[in-house]
Protein backbone atom coordinates (compact mmCIF):
# COMPACT_ATOMS: atom_id res chain seq x y z
CA MET A 1 96.60 61.84 79.41
CA LYS A 2 95.56 63.96 82.20
CA PRO A 3 94.89 67.55 81.73
CA LYS A 4 97.45 69.93 84.27
CA LYS A 5 95.57 70.90 87.53
CA ILE A 6 96.02 74.67 87.87
CA PRO A 7 96.73 75.81 91.31
CA MET A 8 94.17 78.01 92.78
CA ARG A 9 94.56 80.44 95.95
CA MET A 10 92.27 82.94 97.23
CA CYS A 11 92.62 86.80 96.98
CA LEU A 12 92.52 88.17 100.06
CA GLY A 13 90.59 90.99 99.49
CA CYS A 14 87.49 89.68 98.00
CA GLY A 15 87.58 86.14 98.70
CA GLU A 16 87.30 84.62 95.44
CA MET A 17 89.25 81.45 94.80
CA LYS A 18 91.21 82.63 91.27
CA PRO A 19 94.56 80.85 89.37
CA LYS A 20 97.21 81.96 90.89
CA LYS A 21 99.00 82.98 87.74
CA GLN A 22 96.44 85.99 88.40
CA LEU A 23 97.44 86.61 91.40
CA ILE A 24 100.26 88.68 92.85
CA ARG A 25 102.06 87.16 95.67
CA VAL A 26 102.75 89.35 99.16
CA VAL A 27 105.27 87.78 101.14
CA LYS A 28 106.68 87.48 104.66
CA SER A 29 110.06 87.17 104.42
CA PRO A 30 112.04 84.85 107.01
CA GLU A 31 113.18 88.07 108.52
CA GLY A 32 110.06 89.29 108.91
CA GLU A 33 109.59 91.91 105.55
CA ILE A 34 106.54 92.31 103.88
CA SER A 35 107.15 92.84 100.30
CA LEU A 36 104.89 91.95 97.09
CA ASP A 37 105.87 89.26 94.99
CA PHE A 38 105.56 89.57 91.81
CA THR A 39 107.87 86.39 90.51
CA GLY A 40 106.06 84.20 93.46
CA LYS A 41 109.57 83.34 93.97
CA LYS A 42 110.49 84.92 97.06
CA SER A 43 111.19 82.96 99.82
CA GLY A 44 108.37 82.90 103.21
CA ARG A 45 105.16 82.94 103.69
CA GLY A 46 102.62 83.87 100.89
CA ALA A 47 98.90 85.46 100.57
CA TYR A 48 97.69 86.40 97.35
CA ILE A 49 94.92 89.21 96.27
CA CYS A 50 94.43 89.98 92.44
CA ARG A 51 95.54 92.69 90.89
CA SER A 52 93.44 95.74 92.01
CA SER A 53 93.42 98.22 93.97
CA GLU A 54 90.10 97.78 95.62
CA CYS A 55 91.27 93.68 96.55
CA PHE A 56 94.43 95.14 98.03
CA GLU A 57 92.22 98.42 100.28
CA LYS A 58 89.85 95.45 101.06
CA ALA A 59 92.37 93.24 102.70
CA ARG A 60 94.02 96.07 104.06
CA LYS A 61 90.83 97.34 106.07
CA ALA A 62 90.09 94.35 107.16
CA ARG A 63 93.74 93.53 108.17
CA ARG A 64 94.11 90.32 106.56
CA PHE A 65 97.77 90.37 105.86
CA GLU A 66 98.12 90.94 109.22
CA LYS A 67 96.22 87.89 110.25
CA SER A 68 97.51 85.63 107.55
CA PHE A 69 100.90 86.61 108.10
CA SER A 70 100.02 87.01 112.25
CA CYS A 71 101.93 90.32 112.65
CA ARG A 72 100.75 94.00 112.64
CA ILE A 73 101.89 95.72 109.61
CA ASP A 74 103.44 99.35 109.93
CA ASP A 75 100.77 101.75 107.54
CA SER A 76 104.97 102.66 105.64
CA VAL A 77 104.69 99.07 104.34
CA TYR A 78 100.90 99.44 103.24
CA GLU A 79 101.96 102.70 101.07
CA VAL A 80 104.85 100.46 99.68
CA MET A 81 102.81 98.26 98.40
CA SER A 82 99.90 100.68 96.95
CA ASP A 83 102.91 102.14 95.32
CA GLU A 84 103.85 98.91 93.47
CA LEU A 85 101.16 97.28 92.88
CA ALA A 86 99.99 101.05 91.03
CA LYS A 87 103.36 101.06 88.78
CA GLU A 88 101.82 97.48 88.46
CA THR A 89 99.00 97.67 86.77
CA GLU A 90 99.66 100.52 84.98
CA ASN A 91 102.28 99.05 83.10
CA ASN A 92 100.19 96.08 82.00
C-alpha cells in the first residue's frame, strides 16, 4: 500500500514548505472579505501562514497577502487577523 501523500503548502511569512495541517489558512471569500480560516473549509482563495505572529507580520510587511489575493487589504483587517491569531496561539 502506498503511504498517504501529505499536502504541503508554503508559508507566506517564512517561505518554508510545511504540512497543510500545521499552517493557518487565510481566505478571501467570493464577496472579497479576508479572514483567518482555522477549519480550512471556508470557500474562497486561500493562502497559508505558520501559526506564529512573526510569520504573520513578515507576510504583512512584505504585502504578500495583498499579492496573493491581488487586492488592497485594510489595516483594520490585519488587526482583526492579528488578534485572532494571538487568541489561537494562546489556546494551544
